[in-house]
Protein backbone atom coordinates (compact mmCIF):
# COMPACT_ATOMS: atom_id res chain seq x y z
CA MET A 1 -57.51 -35.94 -82.04
CA LYS A 2 -57.26 -37.52 -78.02
CA LYS A 3 -55.88 -36.23 -75.36
CA VAL A 4 -54.90 -36.58 -71.66
CA ASN A 5 -54.06 -35.02 -68.91
CA LEU A 6 -52.26 -35.96 -66.27
CA LEU A 7 -51.79 -34.62 -62.64
CA SER A 8 -49.02 -35.35 -60.23
CA GLY A 9 -48.94 -33.60 -56.69
CA LEU A 10 -50.19 -30.34 -54.84
CA PRO A 11 -49.98 -26.14 -55.05
CA LYS A 12 -47.70 -25.54 -52.58
CA ASP A 13 -50.43 -24.24 -50.47
CA LYS A 14 -53.37 -26.95 -49.87
CA SER A 15 -55.88 -24.34 -49.69
CA GLY A 16 -54.91 -24.20 -53.81
CA ASP A 17 -57.06 -28.07 -53.70
CA ARG A 18 -59.60 -27.78 -54.07
CA GLU A 19 -59.42 -25.51 -57.48
CA VAL A 20 -57.05 -28.39 -59.16
CA PHE A 21 -59.01 -31.33 -59.04
CA LYS A 22 -62.14 -28.43 -60.61
CA LYS A 23 -60.28 -27.17 -63.27
CA PHE A 24 -58.41 -31.73 -63.61
CA LEU A 25 -61.44 -32.97 -63.60
CA ALA A 26 -63.39 -30.81 -66.12
CA LEU A 27 -61.33 -31.14 -68.84
CA ASP A 28 -61.63 -32.98 -72.07
CA GLY A 29 -59.62 -36.23 -72.63
CA LYS A 30 -58.53 -39.39 -70.05
CA LYS A 31 -57.34 -38.21 -66.84
CA ILE A 32 -54.90 -39.74 -64.77
CA ILE A 33 -54.01 -39.35 -61.38
CA CYS A 34 -49.67 -40.17 -60.47
CA GLY A 35 -49.33 -40.38 -56.34
CA SER A 36 -50.58 -41.58 -53.28
CA SER A 37 -50.52 -37.85 -51.03
CA THR A 38 -52.19 -36.34 -54.75
CA LEU A 39 -55.19 -39.56 -54.93
CA ALA A 40 -56.21 -39.24 -51.36
CA ALA A 41 -56.09 -35.35 -52.06
CA PHE A 42 -58.52 -35.84 -54.41
CA CYS A 43 -61.19 -38.37 -52.78
CA ARG A 44 -60.96 -36.21 -49.68
CA VAL A 45 -61.72 -32.41 -50.98
CA THR A 46 -64.28 -34.64 -54.11
CA GLU A 47 -66.01 -37.21 -51.67
CA LYS A 48 -64.81 -39.64 -54.60
CA ASN A 49 -63.52 -43.37 -52.95
CA SER A 50 -60.69 -45.05 -54.45
CA ALA A 51 -59.96 -48.96 -54.14
CA ALA A 52 -56.97 -50.25 -54.11
CA ASN A 53 -55.57 -53.14 -56.05
CA PHE A 54 -52.50 -54.45 -54.00
CA GLU A 55 -51.63 -58.10 -56.62
CA SER A 56 -49.50 -55.31 -58.35
CA PHE A 57 -48.29 -54.09 -55.62
CA LYS A 58 -47.55 -58.07 -54.44
CA GLU A 59 -45.95 -58.49 -57.30
CA GLY A 60 -43.03 -55.41 -56.91
CA ASN A 61 -45.60 -53.10 -58.91
CA PRO A 62 -47.07 -49.79 -57.31
CA ALA A 63 -50.29 -50.35 -55.94
CA TYR A 64 -52.54 -49.36 -58.46
CA TYR A 65 -55.82 -47.25 -58.04
CA HIS A 66 -59.88 -47.43 -59.41
CA ILE A 67 -61.32 -44.41 -58.11
CA GLU A 68 -64.83 -42.88 -60.68
CA GLY A 69 -63.59 -40.16 -62.84
CA ILE A 70 -60.08 -41.42 -63.44
CA ASP A 71 -59.00 -43.15 -65.95
CA PHE A 72 -55.81 -44.58 -64.47
CA ALA A 73 -54.31 -44.15 -61.15
CA SER A 74 -51.01 -45.14 -59.02
CA GLU A 75 -48.03 -43.59 -57.17
CA GLY A 76 -46.32 -40.81 -58.47
CA ALA A 77 -43.06 -40.83 -58.29
CA VAL A 78 -42.08 -44.70 -58.96
CA THR A 79 -44.77 -44.97 -61.48
CA LEU A 80 -43.34 -42.18 -63.43
CA ASN A 81 -39.70 -43.28 -63.17
CA HIS A 82 -40.13 -46.92 -64.89
CA CYS A 83 -42.90 -44.80 -67.22
CA PHE A 84 -39.55 -42.71 -68.84
CA LYS A 85 -38.08 -46.44 -68.64
CA PHE A 86 -40.98 -47.89 -70.74
CA LEU A 87 -40.88 -44.89 -73.05
CA SER A 88 -36.80 -44.21 -72.91
CA CYS A 89 -35.19 -47.84 -74.66
CA GLY A 90 -38.58 -49.96 -74.09
CA GLU A 91 -37.45 -51.90 -69.98
CA VAL A 92 -40.16 -52.65 -68.25
CA LEU A 93 -39.19 -52.06 -64.84
CA SER A 94 -43.40 -52.42 -63.84
CA LYS A 95 -46.81 -53.09 -65.36
CA THR A 96 -47.62 -50.26 -63.46
CA GLY A 97 -45.28 -47.77 -65.70
CA GLU A 98 -45.97 -49.64 -68.35
CA GLU A 99 -49.73 -48.77 -68.51
CA LEU A 100 -49.02 -46.10 -68.10
CA GLY A 101 -46.40 -45.42 -71.14
CA LYS A 102 -48.85 -47.31 -72.92
CA LEU A 103 -51.48 -45.45 -72.62
CA LEU A 104 -49.11 -42.07 -72.67
CA SER A 105 -47.98 -42.89 -76.61
CA GLU A 106 -51.50 -43.45 -77.52
CA CYS A 107 -52.57 -40.44 -77.16
CA ASP A 108 -51.91 -36.84 -79.61
CA GLU A 109 -52.10 -34.58 -76.23
CA ILE A 110 -50.22 -34.76 -72.72
CA ASN A 111 -50.78 -32.49 -70.00
CA PHE A 112 -48.93 -33.13 -67.51
CA PHE A 113 -50.31 -31.32 -64.77
CA ILE A 114 -47.30 -31.00 -61.53
CA GLY A 115 -47.63 -30.22 -58.06
CA SER A 116 -45.17 -27.70 -56.42
CA ALA A 117 -46.35 -29.54 -52.66
CA GLU A 118 -43.16 -30.87 -51.21
CA ASN A 119 -43.39 -35.00 -50.45
CA LYS A 120 -41.79 -35.03 -47.50
CA ASN A 121 -41.49 -38.91 -47.24
CA GLN A 122 -39.36 -38.22 -51.26
CA THR A 123 -36.26 -36.67 -50.19
CA GLN A 124 -32.86 -36.21 -52.10
CA ASP A 125 -31.46 -39.37 -50.15
CA PHE A 126 -34.86 -41.58 -51.51
CA PHE A 127 -34.44 -40.57 -55.68
CA LYS A 128 -30.84 -40.99 -55.18
CA LYS A 129 -31.58 -44.97 -53.00
CA HIS A 130 -34.06 -45.99 -55.90
CA GLU A 131 -32.09 -44.17 -58.41
CA MET A 132 -34.88 -41.95 -59.66
CA LEU A 133 -35.69 -38.33 -60.17
CA PRO A 134 -37.49 -36.42 -58.46
CA ARG A 135 -41.21 -35.83 -60.09
CA ALA A 136 -41.27 -32.21 -61.96
CA GLU A 137 -37.69 -33.76 -63.63
CA ILE A 138 -38.58 -37.00 -64.40
CA THR A 139 -41.42 -35.52 -66.37
CA GLU A 140 -39.37 -33.41 -68.31
CA LYS A 141 -37.37 -36.64 -69.49
CA ILE A 142 -40.93 -38.39 -69.82
CA LYS A 143 -42.59 -35.34 -72.19
CA ASP A 144 -38.88 -35.30 -74.61
CA VAL A 145 -39.18 -39.00 -75.72
CA LEU A 146 -43.13 -38.07 -76.55
CA ALA A 147 -42.09 -35.33 -78.15
CA LYS A 148 -39.72 -38.20 -80.67
CA TYR A 149 -42.75 -39.33 -81.56
CA LYS A 150 -44.52 -36.26 -82.81
CA LYS A 151 -46.54 -35.48 -79.82
CA LYS A 152 -47.07 -32.24 -78.15
CA VAL A 153 -46.75 -32.68 -74.67
CA ASN A 154 -47.39 -29.85 -72.03
CA ILE A 155 -46.49 -29.12 -68.62
CA LYS A 156 -47.68 -27.65 -66.24
CA LYS A 157 -46.72 -26.56 -62.83
CA PHE A 158 -48.87 -24.80 -59.83
């Protein structure tokens, strides 16, 4: 059984970061991080280095990041929304969203770990302006689409 674990967002209480990342790294299966704040905290706590690939960003795609021990890393809200479009109707809004969609569709079990910390950079106005849904809402929509493909999907909020 192919399994993927996707982490997006941080705990409401910053003191929980270390425990969340420790548990995430111990999971079986592929590991994905979506969210630049999540990536920054992950690298700070685990003392891992990240290297951004801004070539994709120049082409209008969210940036990719390379981090030791992580199979896929990118910006969060935009990538998740683009992934949903790709999975639900085949629309390719970005290479990043398409790649994430393919990774999720190739697996039998998908586990989302969604943080409850508020991202002050992403207000309701931000989401409306960009016609996107916030992390908690878009992961539910992705779950519904993946369920149609007989994928086992779990969403755990922390």
